Amino acid sequence: MIDTILQGLINWIESVITALGPWGIALLMAIESCNIPLPSEAILPFAGYLVSKGVFSIHTAAIYGAIGCVIGSVPSYYLGYFGGRKFIEKYGKYFLISKHDLEIADKWVDKYGDWSFFICRMLPVVRTFISLPAGILKAKKRFFFTFTFLGSLVWSYLLVYVGVKVGQNTQNLKHLWHKFDALIIVICLILGGIYIYKHIKHLKNS
């Protein structure tokens, strides 16, 4: 079962990249950075899988992944920049951004300043909505987009490398997938359910 799911995701990612080349990776990562639920944790490892098959180099995959993050951050940044905090607090739920999300981002910015944009790009979940607070705070564009690229580059290399190692050991891992596929799916459903529940709860309180 898990083989079928993984193969389906691989085929979909591969179809996008086949049509657009490395810009396919950039497009998928840009979608994630626009606050659309297409997690990089699903995109980049499969890009790494294609790297292991010789479709392109690990550097190409990581760099285009980071470029996509920057591209996707542009509309979110300017939405916060021109819309302001009141606009985001009122309409943020339509962009899957809650007041709780903004509060988390605020804490990071207050604690680390401009460096928070670099650090947050290497953290799950918070990396997807840090652009809006940056726009609201009118962070200097050259710092924000530079740190966005660098932080996303580190994140991209990490996840692409994971995909490369998985791709290189596909045959060795198959027997483990067959043995634990049911358990893996149940765990993923539980964790996914908890995340969705908490996110919807925060949105309702916004």
N, C-alpha and C. Protein backbone atom coordinates (compact mmCIF):
# COMPACT_ATOMS: atom_id res chain seq x y z
N MET A 1 0.83 -1.21 0.00
CA MET A 1 0.00 0.00 0.00
C MET A 1 0.86 1.26 0.00
N ILE A 2 1.85 1.29 0.91
CA ILE A 2 2.73 2.46 0.98
C ILE A 2 3.52 2.63 -0.30
N ASP A 3 3.85 1.50 -0.97
CA ASP A 3 4.57 1.59 -2.25
C ASP A 3 3.72 2.32 -3.28
N THR A 4 2.42 2.03 -3.30
CA THR A 4 1.51 2.65 -4.26
C THR A 4 1.40 4.14 -4.03
N ILE A 5 1.27 4.52 -2.75
CA ILE A 5 1.17 5.93 -2.40
C ILE A 5 2.44 6.69 -2.81
N LEU A 6 3.59 6.12 -2.43
CA LEU A 6 4.86 6.76 -2.77
C LEU A 6 5.06 6.87 -4.27
N GLN A 7 4.71 5.79 -4.98
CA GLN A 7 4.90 5.80 -6.42
C GLN A 7 3.99 6.83 -7.10
N GLY A 8 2.77 6.98 -6.55
CA GLY A 8 1.86 7.98 -7.10
C GLY A 8 2.40 9.39 -6.93
N LEU A 9 2.95 9.68 -5.75
CA LEU A 9 3.53 10.99 -5.50
C LEU A 9 4.75 11.23 -6.39
N ILE A 10 5.58 10.18 -6.51
CA ILE A 10 6.76 10.29 -7.36
C ILE A 10 6.36 10.59 -8.80
N ASN A 11 5.34 9.89 -9.29
CA ASN A 11 4.89 10.09 -10.67
C ASN A 11 4.37 11.50 -10.89
N TRP A 12 3.63 12.01 -9.88
CA TRP A 12 3.08 13.36 -10.02
C TRP A 12 4.18 14.41 -10.03
N ILE A 13 5.10 14.32 -9.07
CA ILE A 13 6.23 15.25 -9.03
C ILE A 13 7.04 15.16 -10.31
N GLU A 14 7.28 13.93 -10.75
CA GLU A 14 8.08 13.73 -11.96
C GLU A 14 7.39 14.34 -13.17
N SER A 15 6.04 14.25 -13.23
CA SER A 15 5.32 14.80 -14.37
C SER A 15 5.46 16.33 -14.42
N VAL A 16 5.42 16.96 -13.26
CA VAL A 16 5.58 18.41 -13.21
C VAL A 16 6.98 18.81 -13.64
N ILE A 17 7.97 18.08 -13.12
CA ILE A 17 9.36 18.41 -13.43
C ILE A 17 9.70 18.07 -14.87
N THR A 18 9.10 16.99 -15.39
CA THR A 18 9.33 16.62 -16.79
C THR A 18 8.82 17.70 -17.72
N ALA A 19 7.70 18.30 -17.36
CA ALA A 19 7.11 19.34 -18.21
C ALA A 19 7.85 20.66 -18.10
N LEU A 20 8.35 20.98 -16.90
CA LEU A 20 8.93 22.30 -16.67
C LEU A 20 10.42 22.27 -16.34
N GLY A 21 11.01 21.08 -16.24
CA GLY A 21 12.42 20.99 -15.87
C GLY A 21 12.61 21.41 -14.42
N PRO A 22 13.77 21.93 -14.07
CA PRO A 22 14.03 22.36 -12.69
C PRO A 22 13.03 23.41 -12.21
N TRP A 23 12.46 24.15 -13.16
CA TRP A 23 11.45 25.14 -12.77
C TRP A 23 10.20 24.47 -12.21
N GLY A 24 10.04 23.18 -12.48
CA GLY A 24 8.94 22.44 -11.87
C GLY A 24 9.10 22.39 -10.36
N ILE A 25 10.34 22.18 -9.91
CA ILE A 25 10.62 22.20 -8.46
C ILE A 25 10.34 23.59 -7.92
N ALA A 26 10.80 24.61 -8.65
CA ALA A 26 10.59 26.00 -8.20
C ALA A 26 9.10 26.30 -8.10
N LEU A 27 8.33 25.84 -9.07
CA LEU A 27 6.88 26.09 -9.05
C LEU A 27 6.23 25.46 -7.83
N LEU A 28 6.56 24.20 -7.57
CA LEU A 28 5.97 23.50 -6.43
C LEU A 28 6.35 24.16 -5.11
N MET A 29 7.60 24.59 -5.00
CA MET A 29 8.04 25.25 -3.77
C MET A 29 7.42 26.64 -3.64
N ALA A 30 7.19 27.31 -4.78
CA ALA A 30 6.54 28.62 -4.75
C ALA A 30 5.10 28.48 -4.24
N ILE A 31 4.45 27.40 -4.64
CA ILE A 31 3.08 27.15 -4.18
C ILE A 31 3.06 27.02 -2.67
N GLU A 32 4.03 26.28 -2.13
CA GLU A 32 4.10 26.11 -0.67
C GLU A 32 4.31 27.45 0.02
N SER A 33 5.17 28.30 -0.53
CA SER A 33 5.48 29.57 0.10
C SER A 33 4.34 30.58 -0.02
N CYS A 34 3.35 30.25 -0.86
CA CYS A 34 2.15 31.10 -0.97
C CYS A 34 1.07 30.66 0.02
N ASN A 35 1.47 29.88 1.03
CA ASN A 35 0.56 29.41 2.08
C ASN A 35 -0.47 28.40 1.59
N ILE A 36 -0.17 27.75 0.48
CA ILE A 36 -1.02 26.67 -0.02
C ILE A 36 -0.47 25.36 0.52
N PRO A 37 -1.35 24.50 1.08
CA PRO A 37 -0.85 23.27 1.75
C PRO A 37 -0.26 22.23 0.80
N LEU A 38 0.93 22.53 0.31
CA LEU A 38 1.71 21.58 -0.48
C LEU A 38 3.10 21.55 0.15
N PRO A 39 3.28 20.78 1.21
CA PRO A 39 4.50 20.87 2.03
C PRO A 39 5.77 20.48 1.29
N SER A 40 6.82 21.23 1.57
CA SER A 40 8.12 20.93 0.98
C SER A 40 8.63 19.58 1.43
N GLU A 41 8.15 19.11 2.60
CA GLU A 41 8.54 17.80 3.09
C GLU A 41 8.07 16.69 2.16
N ALA A 42 7.12 17.00 1.29
CA ALA A 42 6.66 16.04 0.30
C ALA A 42 7.30 16.28 -1.07
N ILE A 43 7.66 17.54 -1.34
CA ILE A 43 8.19 17.90 -2.66
C ILE A 43 9.67 17.54 -2.80
N LEU A 44 10.49 18.07 -1.89
CA LEU A 44 11.93 17.97 -2.05
C LEU A 44 12.50 16.56 -1.95
N PRO A 45 11.99 15.71 -1.04
CA PRO A 45 12.53 14.35 -1.03
C PRO A 45 12.29 13.61 -2.35
N PHE A 46 11.18 13.89 -3.00
CA PHE A 46 10.92 13.26 -4.29
C PHE A 46 11.77 13.86 -5.39
N ALA A 47 12.10 15.15 -5.23
CA ALA A 47 13.06 15.75 -6.15
C ALA A 47 14.41 15.06 -5.95
N GLY A 48 14.75 14.77 -4.69
CA GLY A 48 15.98 14.04 -4.40
C GLY A 48 15.95 12.64 -4.99
N TYR A 49 14.81 12.02 -4.97
CA TYR A 49 14.65 10.70 -5.59
C TYR A 49 15.01 10.77 -7.07
N LEU A 50 14.56 11.84 -7.74
CA LEU A 50 14.89 12.01 -9.16
C LEU A 50 16.38 12.30 -9.35
N VAL A 51 16.97 12.98 -8.37
CA VAL A 51 18.42 13.20 -8.41
C VAL A 51 19.14 11.86 -8.39
N SER A 52 18.66 10.95 -7.54
CA SER A 52 19.30 9.63 -7.43
C SER A 52 19.18 8.84 -8.72
N LYS A 53 18.20 9.21 -9.56
CA LYS A 53 18.01 8.55 -10.86
C LYS A 53 18.75 9.27 -11.98
N GLY A 54 19.47 10.34 -11.63
CA GLY A 54 20.29 11.04 -12.61
C GLY A 54 19.56 12.06 -13.46
N VAL A 55 18.34 12.47 -13.03
CA VAL A 55 17.58 13.44 -13.82
C VAL A 55 18.26 14.80 -13.80
N PHE A 56 18.78 15.20 -12.63
CA PHE A 56 19.57 16.42 -12.50
C PHE A 56 20.41 16.31 -11.24
N SER A 57 21.23 17.32 -10.97
CA SER A 57 22.14 17.26 -9.83
C SER A 57 21.45 17.73 -8.55
N ILE A 58 22.04 17.37 -7.42
CA ILE A 58 21.50 17.79 -6.13
C ILE A 58 21.56 19.31 -5.99
N HIS A 59 22.58 19.93 -6.59
CA HIS A 59 22.71 21.39 -6.52
C HIS A 59 21.59 22.08 -7.28
N THR A 60 21.27 21.54 -8.45
CA THR A 60 20.18 22.10 -9.25
C THR A 60 18.87 22.01 -8.50
N ALA A 61 18.58 20.84 -7.92
CA ALA A 61 17.33 20.64 -7.19
C ALA A 61 17.23 21.61 -6.01
N ALA A 62 18.30 21.74 -5.24
CA ALA A 62 18.28 22.59 -4.04
C ALA A 62 18.17 24.07 -4.41
N ILE A 63 18.94 24.49 -5.40
CA ILE A 63 18.94 25.91 -5.78
C ILE A 63 17.58 26.32 -6.34
N TYR A 64 17.01 25.50 -7.20
CA TYR A 64 15.69 25.84 -7.76
C TYR A 64 14.60 25.75 -6.69
N GLY A 65 14.80 24.87 -5.71
CA GLY A 65 13.87 24.82 -4.59
C GLY A 65 13.88 26.13 -3.81
N ALA A 66 15.08 26.65 -3.57
CA ALA A 66 15.22 27.92 -2.85
C ALA A 66 14.68 29.08 -3.68
N ILE A 67 14.92 29.05 -4.98
CA ILE A 67 14.38 30.10 -5.87
C ILE A 67 12.86 30.10 -5.80
N GLY A 68 12.27 28.92 -5.80
CA GLY A 68 10.82 28.82 -5.72
C GLY A 68 10.29 29.41 -4.42
N CYS A 69 11.00 29.18 -3.32
CA CYS A 69 10.59 29.75 -2.03
C CYS A 69 10.57 31.27 -2.08
N VAL A 70 11.59 31.84 -2.71
CA VAL A 70 11.66 33.30 -2.82
C VAL A 70 10.50 33.82 -3.68
N ILE A 71 10.27 33.16 -4.81
CA ILE A 71 9.18 33.59 -5.70
C ILE A 71 7.84 33.53 -4.98
N GLY A 72 7.59 32.44 -4.27
CA GLY A 72 6.33 32.28 -3.57
C GLY A 72 6.18 33.23 -2.39
N SER A 73 7.30 33.71 -1.86
CA SER A 73 7.26 34.62 -0.72
C SER A 73 6.89 36.04 -1.12
N VAL A 74 7.09 36.37 -2.39
CA VAL A 74 6.84 37.74 -2.85
C VAL A 74 5.39 38.17 -2.64
N PRO A 75 4.39 37.41 -3.14
CA PRO A 75 3.01 37.86 -2.92
C PRO A 75 2.62 37.89 -1.45
N SER A 76 3.11 36.93 -0.66
CA SER A 76 2.79 36.92 0.77
C SER A 76 3.39 38.13 1.48
N TYR A 77 4.63 38.45 1.12
CA TYR A 77 5.30 39.61 1.72
C TYR A 77 4.52 40.89 1.43
N TYR A 78 4.16 41.09 0.16
CA TYR A 78 3.48 42.33 -0.21
C TYR A 78 2.04 42.37 0.27
N LEU A 79 1.44 41.20 0.46
CA LEU A 79 0.11 41.16 1.05
C LEU A 79 0.16 41.71 2.47
N GLY A 80 1.18 41.29 3.22
CA GLY A 80 1.36 41.83 4.56
C GLY A 80 1.80 43.28 4.54
N TYR A 81 2.64 43.63 3.58
CA TYR A 81 3.19 44.99 3.47
C TYR A 81 2.10 46.02 3.23
N PHE A 82 1.22 45.73 2.27
CA PHE A 82 0.18 46.70 1.91
C PHE A 82 -1.12 46.48 2.69
N GLY A 83 -1.37 45.24 3.09
CA GLY A 83 -2.61 44.96 3.80
C GLY A 83 -2.53 45.34 5.27
N GLY A 84 -1.36 45.17 5.86
CA GLY A 84 -1.20 45.49 7.27
C GLY A 84 -1.74 44.40 8.18
N ARG A 85 -1.47 44.56 9.46
CA ARG A 85 -1.84 43.53 10.43
C ARG A 85 -3.35 43.37 10.56
N LYS A 86 -4.09 44.47 10.55
CA LYS A 86 -5.54 44.38 10.70
C LYS A 86 -6.16 43.58 9.56
N PHE A 87 -5.64 43.79 8.36
CA PHE A 87 -6.16 43.06 7.20
C PHE A 87 -5.90 41.57 7.36
N ILE A 88 -4.68 41.20 7.78
CA ILE A 88 -4.33 39.79 7.93
C ILE A 88 -5.12 39.15 9.06
N GLU A 89 -5.29 39.90 10.16
CA GLU A 89 -6.07 39.34 11.28
C GLU A 89 -7.52 39.11 10.89
N LYS A 90 -8.04 39.96 10.00
CA LYS A 90 -9.43 39.83 9.60
C LYS A 90 -9.63 38.80 8.50
N TYR A 91 -8.73 38.79 7.52
CA TYR A 91 -8.90 37.93 6.36
C TYR A 91 -7.86 36.82 6.25
N GLY A 92 -6.96 36.75 7.23
CA GLY A 92 -5.88 35.75 7.15
C GLY A 92 -6.37 34.33 7.07
N LYS A 93 -7.53 34.04 7.68
CA LYS A 93 -8.04 32.67 7.66
C LYS A 93 -8.29 32.18 6.24
N TYR A 94 -8.55 33.11 5.32
CA TYR A 94 -8.77 32.72 3.93
C TYR A 94 -7.46 32.34 3.25
N PHE A 95 -6.34 32.70 3.89
CA PHE A 95 -5.02 32.32 3.39
C PHE A 95 -4.39 31.27 4.31
N LEU A 96 -5.24 30.66 5.15
CA LEU A 96 -4.82 29.63 6.11
C LEU A 96 -3.84 30.16 7.14
N ILE A 97 -3.97 31.45 7.47
CA ILE A 97 -3.13 32.08 8.48
C ILE A 97 -4.00 32.52 9.65
N SER A 98 -3.69 32.05 10.84
CA SER A 98 -4.45 32.40 12.03
C SER A 98 -3.68 33.43 12.86
N LYS A 99 -4.36 34.02 13.86
CA LYS A 99 -3.69 34.94 14.76
C LYS A 99 -2.57 34.21 15.51
N HIS A 100 -2.82 32.95 15.80
CA HIS A 100 -1.81 32.14 16.50
C HIS A 100 -0.54 32.03 15.65
N ASP A 101 -0.71 31.84 14.35
CA ASP A 101 0.44 31.77 13.44
C ASP A 101 1.22 33.08 13.47
N LEU A 102 0.49 34.19 13.44
CA LEU A 102 1.15 35.50 13.46
C LEU A 102 1.90 35.70 14.78
N GLU A 103 1.30 35.25 15.88
CA GLU A 103 1.94 35.40 17.18
C GLU A 103 3.25 34.62 17.26
N ILE A 104 3.24 33.41 16.67
CA ILE A 104 4.46 32.60 16.64
C ILE A 104 5.54 33.32 15.85
N ALA A 105 5.15 33.83 14.67
CA ALA A 105 6.12 34.54 13.82
C ALA A 105 6.63 35.81 14.52
N ASP A 106 5.72 36.51 15.22
CA ASP A 106 6.13 37.73 15.94
C ASP A 106 7.20 37.42 16.97
N LYS A 107 7.04 36.31 17.69
CA LYS A 107 8.01 35.94 18.72
C LYS A 107 9.38 35.69 18.11
N TRP A 108 9.39 35.03 16.95
CA TRP A 108 10.67 34.77 16.30
C TRP A 108 11.34 36.08 15.85
N VAL A 109 10.53 36.98 15.28
CA VAL A 109 11.09 38.25 14.80
C VAL A 109 11.57 39.09 15.97
N ASP A 110 10.80 39.12 17.06
CA ASP A 110 11.19 39.91 18.24
C ASP A 110 12.49 39.37 18.84
N LYS A 111 12.67 38.06 18.80
CA LYS A 111 13.83 37.44 19.44
C LYS A 111 15.08 37.52 18.58
N TYR A 112 14.92 37.32 17.26
CA TYR A 112 16.11 37.20 16.41
C TYR A 112 16.22 38.30 15.34
N GLY A 113 15.23 39.19 15.25
CA GLY A 113 15.30 40.25 14.25
C GLY A 113 15.32 39.69 12.83
N ASP A 114 16.13 40.30 11.97
CA ASP A 114 16.19 39.87 10.56
C ASP A 114 16.66 38.43 10.42
N TRP A 115 17.46 37.97 11.38
CA TRP A 115 17.95 36.59 11.30
C TRP A 115 16.82 35.57 11.44
N SER A 116 15.68 36.00 11.97
CA SER A 116 14.56 35.08 12.11
C SER A 116 14.09 34.59 10.74
N PHE A 117 14.24 35.41 9.71
CA PHE A 117 13.81 35.01 8.37
C PHE A 117 14.69 33.88 7.83
N PHE A 118 15.95 33.89 8.25
CA PHE A 118 16.86 32.80 7.87
C PHE A 118 16.54 31.54 8.67
N ILE A 119 16.39 31.70 9.98
CA ILE A 119 16.15 30.55 10.85
C ILE A 119 14.81 29.89 10.55
N CYS A 120 13.77 30.71 10.40
CA CYS A 120 12.42 30.16 10.19
C CYS A 120 12.29 29.40 8.88
N ARG A 121 13.10 29.74 7.91
CA ARG A 121 13.05 29.03 6.63
C ARG A 121 13.59 27.61 6.74
N MET A 122 14.18 27.28 7.87
CA MET A 122 14.68 25.93 8.09
C MET A 122 13.84 25.16 9.09
N LEU A 123 12.65 25.70 9.40
CA LEU A 123 11.76 25.07 10.37
C LEU A 123 10.45 24.67 9.71
N PRO A 124 9.95 23.48 10.01
CA PRO A 124 8.66 23.05 9.46
C PRO A 124 7.54 23.99 9.90
N VAL A 125 6.50 24.08 9.10
CA VAL A 125 5.28 24.83 9.37
C VAL A 125 5.51 26.34 9.39
N VAL A 126 6.29 26.85 10.38
CA VAL A 126 6.46 28.29 10.51
C VAL A 126 7.10 28.90 9.27
N ARG A 127 7.88 28.11 8.53
CA ARG A 127 8.55 28.62 7.34
C ARG A 127 7.56 29.06 6.27
N THR A 128 6.37 28.49 6.29
CA THR A 128 5.40 28.78 5.23
C THR A 128 4.68 30.10 5.41
N PHE A 129 4.62 30.63 6.66
CA PHE A 129 3.86 31.87 6.85
C PHE A 129 4.68 33.02 7.43
N ILE A 130 6.00 32.90 7.45
CA ILE A 130 6.84 33.96 7.99
C ILE A 130 6.84 35.19 7.08
N SER A 131 6.51 35.02 5.80
CA SER A 131 6.53 36.13 4.85
C SER A 131 5.51 37.21 5.20
N LEU A 132 4.33 36.81 5.65
CA LEU A 132 3.29 37.78 5.99
C LEU A 132 3.71 38.71 7.12
N PRO A 133 4.20 38.18 8.25
CA PRO A 133 4.69 39.08 9.31
C PRO A 133 5.84 39.96 8.84
N ALA A 134 6.69 39.42 7.98
CA ALA A 134 7.80 40.22 7.46
C ALA A 134 7.27 41.42 6.69
N GLY A 135 6.23 41.20 5.90
CA GLY A 135 5.61 42.30 5.16
C GLY A 135 4.94 43.29 6.08
N ILE A 136 4.22 42.77 7.09
CA ILE A 136 3.53 43.63 8.05
C ILE A 136 4.53 44.54 8.76
N LEU A 137 5.67 43.96 9.14
CA LEU A 137 6.71 44.72 9.85
C LEU A 137 7.55 45.56 8.90
N LYS A 138 7.25 45.43 7.59
CA LYS A 138 8.00 46.16 6.56
C LYS A 138 9.51 45.91 6.68
N ALA A 139 9.84 44.65 6.82
CA ALA A 139 11.25 44.25 6.88
C ALA A 139 11.94 44.68 5.59
N LYS A 140 13.20 45.05 5.71
CA LYS A 140 13.95 45.49 4.53
C LYS A 140 14.00 44.37 3.51
N LYS A 141 13.60 44.68 2.30
CA LYS A 141 13.45 43.64 1.26
C LYS A 141 14.75 42.90 0.99
N ARG A 142 15.86 43.64 0.94
CA ARG A 142 17.12 42.98 0.58
C ARG A 142 17.52 41.95 1.64
N PHE A 143 17.25 42.27 2.91
CA PHE A 143 17.55 41.31 3.97
C PHE A 143 16.57 40.15 3.95
N PHE A 144 15.28 40.46 3.83
CA PHE A 144 14.27 39.42 3.89
C PHE A 144 14.45 38.41 2.77
N PHE A 145 14.57 38.87 1.55
CA PHE A 145 14.65 37.94 0.42
C PHE A 145 16.00 37.23 0.36
N THR A 146 17.06 37.90 0.83
CA THR A 146 18.36 37.23 0.89
C THR A 146 18.34 36.11 1.92
N PHE A 147 17.84 36.40 3.12
CA PHE A 147 17.76 35.38 4.17
C PHE A 147 16.76 34.29 3.81
N THR A 148 15.70 34.66 3.10
CA THR A 148 14.73 33.66 2.64
C THR A 148 15.40 32.67 1.70
N PHE A 149 16.20 33.19 0.79
CA PHE A 149 16.90 32.31 -0.16
C PHE A 149 17.90 31.42 0.56
N LEU A 150 18.71 32.01 1.43
CA LEU A 150 19.76 31.23 2.11
C LEU A 150 19.18 30.17 3.04
N GLY A 151 18.18 30.55 3.82
CA GLY A 151 17.55 29.58 4.71
C GLY A 151 16.85 28.47 3.95
N SER A 152 16.18 28.84 2.86
CA SER A 152 15.49 27.86 2.03
C SER A 152 16.48 26.95 1.32
N LEU A 153 17.65 27.49 1.01
CA LEU A 153 18.68 26.68 0.35
C LEU A 153 19.16 25.58 1.28
N VAL A 154 19.40 25.92 2.54
CA VAL A 154 19.82 24.92 3.52
C VAL A 154 18.74 23.85 3.68
N TRP A 155 17.49 24.30 3.82
CA TRP A 155 16.34 23.39 3.95
C TRP A 155 16.23 22.48 2.73
N SER A 156 16.40 23.07 1.55
CA SER A 156 16.27 22.31 0.31
C SER A 156 17.36 21.24 0.20
N TYR A 157 18.60 21.63 0.51
CA TYR A 157 19.69 20.64 0.45
C TYR A 157 19.42 19.48 1.39
N LEU A 158 18.93 19.79 2.58
CA LEU A 158 18.67 18.75 3.58
C LEU A 158 17.62 17.75 3.08
N LEU A 159 16.49 18.26 2.62
CA LEU A 159 15.41 17.37 2.20
C LEU A 159 15.70 16.67 0.87
N VAL A 160 16.39 17.36 -0.02
CA VAL A 160 16.78 16.71 -1.28
C VAL A 160 17.75 15.57 -0.99
N TYR A 161 18.67 15.79 -0.06
CA TYR A 161 19.63 14.74 0.30
C TYR A 161 18.91 13.52 0.88
N VAL A 162 17.90 13.76 1.70
CA VAL A 162 17.10 12.65 2.24
C VAL A 162 16.49 11.85 1.10
N GLY A 163 15.95 12.56 0.11
CA GLY A 163 15.36 11.88 -1.04
C GLY A 163 16.38 11.10 -1.84
N VAL A 164 17.58 11.65 -1.95
CA VAL A 164 18.66 10.96 -2.68
C VAL A 164 18.99 9.64 -1.99
N LYS A 165 19.13 9.67 -0.68
CA LYS A 165 19.48 8.45 0.07
C LYS A 165 18.36 7.42 -0.01
N VAL A 166 17.13 7.87 0.05
CA VAL A 166 16.00 6.95 -0.09
C VAL A 166 15.99 6.32 -1.48
N GLY A 167 16.22 7.16 -2.49
CA GLY A 167 16.25 6.66 -3.86
C GLY A 167 17.35 5.65 -4.10
N GLN A 168 18.48 5.86 -3.45
CA GLN A 168 19.62 4.95 -3.61
C GLN A 168 19.39 3.62 -2.89
N ASN A 169 18.47 3.62 -1.94
CA ASN A 169 18.24 2.41 -1.14
C ASN A 169 16.80 1.89 -1.24
N THR A 170 16.16 2.21 -2.35
CA THR A 170 14.76 1.82 -2.52
C THR A 170 14.55 0.32 -2.34
N GLN A 171 15.39 -0.47 -2.96
CA GLN A 171 15.22 -1.92 -2.89
C GLN A 171 15.41 -2.43 -1.46
N ASN A 172 16.37 -1.86 -0.74
CA ASN A 172 16.63 -2.30 0.63
C ASN A 172 15.50 -1.93 1.58
N LEU A 173 14.78 -0.83 1.25
CA LEU A 173 13.72 -0.36 2.13
C LEU A 173 12.37 -1.00 1.86
N LYS A 174 12.23 -1.65 0.71
CA LYS A 174 10.92 -2.17 0.33
C LYS A 174 10.37 -3.16 1.33
N HIS A 175 11.21 -4.07 1.84
CA HIS A 175 10.70 -5.07 2.77
C HIS A 175 10.23 -4.44 4.08
N LEU A 176 10.86 -3.30 4.45
CA LEU A 176 10.42 -2.59 5.65
C LEU A 176 9.08 -1.91 5.41
N TRP A 177 8.91 -1.34 4.20
CA TRP A 177 7.64 -0.70 3.88
C TRP A 177 6.51 -1.72 3.94
N HIS A 178 6.73 -2.92 3.39
CA HIS A 178 5.70 -3.95 3.39
C HIS A 178 5.36 -4.37 4.82
N LYS A 179 6.36 -4.43 5.69
CA LYS A 179 6.15 -4.91 7.05
C LYS A 179 5.42 -3.89 7.91
N PHE A 180 5.74 -2.61 7.69
CA PHE A 180 5.20 -1.58 8.57
C PHE A 180 4.26 -0.60 7.85
N ASP A 181 3.78 -0.94 6.65
CA ASP A 181 2.98 0.01 5.89
C ASP A 181 1.72 0.44 6.64
N ALA A 182 1.02 -0.49 7.26
CA ALA A 182 -0.20 -0.16 7.99
C ALA A 182 0.10 0.77 9.16
N LEU A 183 1.17 0.45 9.91
CA LEU A 183 1.54 1.28 11.05
C LEU A 183 1.92 2.68 10.61
N ILE A 184 2.69 2.79 9.53
CA ILE A 184 3.13 4.08 9.01
C ILE A 184 1.92 4.93 8.61
N ILE A 185 0.96 4.33 7.92
CA ILE A 185 -0.21 5.06 7.47
C ILE A 185 -1.03 5.55 8.65
N VAL A 186 -1.22 4.69 9.67
CA VAL A 186 -1.98 5.07 10.86
C VAL A 186 -1.31 6.25 11.57
N ILE A 187 0.02 6.17 11.72
CA ILE A 187 0.75 7.26 12.39
C ILE A 187 0.62 8.56 11.60
N CYS A 188 0.76 8.46 10.27
CA CYS A 188 0.64 9.66 9.43
C CYS A 188 -0.76 10.27 9.53
N LEU A 189 -1.79 9.41 9.56
CA LEU A 189 -3.17 9.90 9.67
C LEU A 189 -3.39 10.59 11.01
N ILE A 190 -2.86 10.00 12.08
CA ILE A 190 -3.02 10.59 13.41
C ILE A 190 -2.32 11.95 13.50
N LEU A 191 -1.07 11.99 13.05
CA LEU A 191 -0.31 13.24 13.09
C LEU A 191 -0.95 14.30 12.19
N GLY A 192 -1.38 13.86 11.01
CA GLY A 192 -2.05 14.79 10.10
C GLY A 192 -3.34 15.31 10.68
N GLY A 193 -4.11 14.41 11.34
CA GLY A 193 -5.37 14.81 11.96
C GLY A 193 -5.16 15.81 13.08
N ILE A 194 -4.12 15.58 13.90
CA ILE A 194 -3.81 16.50 14.99
C ILE A 194 -3.44 17.87 14.45
N TYR A 195 -2.61 17.90 13.41
CA TYR A 195 -2.20 19.18 12.82
C TYR A 195 -3.40 19.94 12.26
N ILE A 196 -4.26 19.22 11.50
CA ILE A 196 -5.43 19.87 10.90
C ILE A 196 -6.38 20.39 11.97
N TYR A 197 -6.60 19.56 13.01
CA TYR A 197 -7.50 19.96 14.09
C TYR A 197 -7.01 21.24 14.77
N LYS A 198 -5.71 21.26 15.12
CA LYS A 198 -5.17 22.43 15.80
C LYS A 198 -5.21 23.66 14.91
N HIS A 199 -4.92 23.47 13.61
CA HIS A 199 -4.91 24.61 12.71
C HIS A 199 -6.31 25.18 12.54
N ILE A 200 -7.31 24.30 12.37
CA ILE A 200 -8.70 24.75 12.23
C ILE A 200 -9.16 25.44 13.51
N LYS A 201 -8.74 24.90 14.65
CA LYS A 201 -9.09 25.49 15.94
C LYS A 201 -8.55 26.91 16.04
N HIS A 202 -7.30 27.11 15.64
CA HIS A 202 -6.71 28.44 15.68
C HIS A 202 -7.41 29.38 14.70
N LEU A 203 -7.80 28.86 13.54
CA LEU A 203 -8.49 29.69 12.55
C LEU A 203 -9.85 30.13 13.08
N LYS A 204 -10.54 29.23 13.76
CA LYS A 204 -11.86 29.57 14.31
C LYS A 204 -11.74 30.64 15.38
N ASN A 205 -10.62 30.64 16.09
CA ASN A 205 -10.42 31.64 17.14
C ASN A 205 -9.90 32.95 16.62
N SER A 206 -9.62 33.00 15.31
CA SER A 206 -9.06 34.22 14.72
C SER A 206 -10.16 35.26 14.50
